[in-house]
Amino acid sequence: MSQPLDHAGTGVNLFATKDLSGTARWFEETSDVLDIDDDDLEDTIAFVHKGGMTFLSPILPDLKGIVCTAGSRESHLAILSRESAVPCVLAAELATEVPSGAQVRLNLTDAETATIDIVDAPVVTA
């Protein structure tokens, strides 16, 4: 069973573009990128904690979007995202946990603020 739409948070929109939806995937450290073995990333919205997450650079052009809980429009991640035309939400304040595998929607039409919504989350079993 899927959960209903849940507003997960807001952040700084790097550049205005159309809304997009994809699958959330957390990248916590370099090994998370190195462990990718021909994964299809075109539907992946990467979630990271630091604005200087340049370890994403090898896969950045393949990502659908990025959400970072830190950073600014001048951070390394922002510069790389702009150069690769990959939508990016910075300084995201998440009001709820966004688990890897959740279907998320980013509202990116406002030039300043982006919103992050969980459309469908994976079922967690105990």
Protein backbone atom coordinates (compact mmCIF):
# COMPACT_ATOMS: atom_id res chain seq x y z
CA MET A 1 0.00 0.00 0.00
CA SER A 2 1.21 3.45 -0.77
CA GLN A 3 1.00 6.43 1.53
CA PRO A 4 -0.87 9.57 0.47
CA LEU A 5 0.90 12.66 -0.82
CA ASP A 6 3.04 14.12 1.98
CA HIS A 7 4.71 17.52 1.95
CA ALA A 8 8.31 16.68 2.83
CA GLY A 9 9.95 20.11 2.80
CA THR A 10 11.19 23.18 1.00
CA GLY A 11 14.51 24.55 -0.18
CA VAL A 12 16.30 27.02 -2.41
CA ASN A 13 15.60 26.37 -6.09
CA LEU A 14 18.82 26.59 -8.11
CA PHE A 15 16.93 27.52 -11.29
CA ALA A 16 13.28 27.59 -12.32
CA THR A 17 12.16 24.72 -14.52
CA LYS A 18 9.19 22.38 -14.86
CA ASP A 19 8.12 20.17 -11.97
CA LEU A 20 9.64 16.72 -11.99
CA SER A 21 9.01 13.39 -10.36
CA GLY A 22 11.38 10.52 -9.72
CA THR A 23 12.73 7.99 -7.26
CA ALA A 24 14.57 9.28 -4.17
CA ARG A 25 17.98 7.76 -3.51
CA TRP A 26 20.27 8.85 -0.67
CA PHE A 27 24.00 9.20 -1.36
CA GLU A 28 25.79 9.45 1.98
CA GLU A 29 29.40 8.86 0.95
CA THR A 30 31.68 8.26 -2.02
CA SER A 31 31.19 4.50 -1.89
CA ASP A 32 27.47 4.99 -2.63
CA VAL A 33 28.47 6.38 -6.02
CA LEU A 34 31.27 3.86 -6.59
CA ASP A 35 28.92 0.96 -5.82
CA ILE A 36 26.61 1.84 -8.71
CA ASP A 37 26.84 -0.92 -11.29
CA ASP A 38 25.13 0.21 -14.48
CA ASP A 39 22.13 1.43 -12.50
CA ASP A 40 19.58 3.33 -14.49
CA LEU A 41 19.81 6.81 -12.94
CA GLU A 42 17.59 8.72 -15.37
CA ASP A 43 14.65 8.52 -12.91
CA THR A 44 16.80 9.10 -9.79
CA ILE A 45 16.56 12.18 -7.63
CA ALA A 46 19.71 12.14 -5.50
CA PHE A 47 19.40 13.21 -1.87
CA VAL A 48 22.60 14.37 -0.13
CA HIS A 49 23.50 16.17 3.10
CA LYS A 50 26.40 18.43 2.11
CA GLY A 51 26.60 21.24 -0.44
CA GLY A 52 30.09 20.25 -1.49
CA MET A 53 29.08 16.75 -2.56
CA THR A 54 31.35 16.78 -5.59
CA PHE A 55 31.62 12.98 -5.37
CA LEU A 56 28.35 13.00 -7.34
CA SER A 57 30.16 14.51 -10.34
CA PRO A 58 30.69 11.17 -12.18
CA ILE A 59 26.94 10.48 -12.15
CA LEU A 60 25.56 14.01 -11.96
CA PRO A 61 24.67 14.35 -15.68
CA ASP A 62 22.71 11.07 -15.46
CA LEU A 63 20.53 12.18 -12.53
CA LYS A 64 17.03 13.57 -12.92
CA GLY A 65 17.54 15.98 -10.02
CA ILE A 66 19.29 16.63 -6.70
CA VAL A 67 18.07 17.61 -3.23
CA CYS A 68 20.73 18.76 -0.78
CA THR A 69 20.08 19.57 2.88
CA ALA A 70 22.92 22.12 2.87
CA GLY A 71 24.63 24.34 0.34
CA SER A 72 23.98 27.59 -1.42
CA ARG A 73 23.79 28.82 -5.00
CA GLU A 74 27.58 29.32 -4.84
CA SER A 75 28.44 25.80 -3.59
CA HIS A 76 30.39 23.32 -5.68
CA LEU A 77 27.31 21.16 -6.10
CA ALA A 78 25.30 24.14 -7.37
CA ILE A 79 27.99 25.05 -9.89
CA LEU A 80 28.19 21.48 -11.21
CA SER A 81 24.40 21.17 -11.33
CA ARG A 82 24.05 24.40 -13.31
CA GLU A 83 26.78 23.36 -15.75
CA SER A 84 25.06 20.00 -16.29
CA ALA A 85 21.54 21.54 -16.35
CA VAL A 86 20.44 19.17 -13.57
CA PRO A 87 17.70 20.66 -11.36
CA CYS A 88 18.88 21.10 -7.79
CA VAL A 89 17.25 22.04 -4.49
CA LEU A 90 19.68 23.42 -1.92
CA ALA A 91 19.43 24.05 1.83
CA ALA A 92 16.42 21.73 1.88
CA GLU A 93 14.58 21.66 5.18
CA LEU A 94 12.95 18.26 5.35
CA ALA A 95 9.97 18.09 7.72
CA THR A 96 9.72 14.32 7.33
CA GLU A 97 12.01 11.44 6.42
CA VAL A 98 12.34 10.82 2.70
CA PRO A 99 13.37 7.17 2.35
CA SER A 100 15.35 5.82 -0.58
CA GLY A 101 12.90 4.31 -3.00
CA ALA A 102 10.15 6.85 -2.32
CA GLN A 103 8.52 8.47 -5.32
CA VAL A 104 8.97 12.23 -4.93
CA ARG A 105 7.84 15.31 -6.80
CA LEU A 106 9.85 18.52 -6.91
CA ASN A 107 7.96 21.73 -7.62
CA LEU A 108 10.60 23.81 -9.38
CA THR A 109 8.54 26.49 -11.14
CA ASP A 110 9.30 29.25 -8.62
CA ALA A 111 12.69 30.89 -9.23
CA GLU A 112 13.46 31.09 -5.49
CA THR A 113 11.75 28.29 -3.58
CA ALA A 114 11.27 24.62 -4.36
CA THR A 115 8.93 22.22 -2.61
CA ILE A 116 9.50 18.51 -2.10
CA ASP A 117 6.55 16.13 -1.84
CA ILE A 118 6.45 12.37 -1.29
CA VAL A 119 3.99 10.91 -3.75
CA ASP A 120 4.46 7.27 -2.80
CA ALA A 121 6.71 5.70 -0.17
CA PRO A 122 7.89 2.12 0.05
CA VAL A 123 6.16 0.01 2.67
CA VAL A 124 8.36 -0.60 5.69
CA THR A 125 7.94 -3.96 7.38
CA ALA A 126 9.18 -4.74 10.87
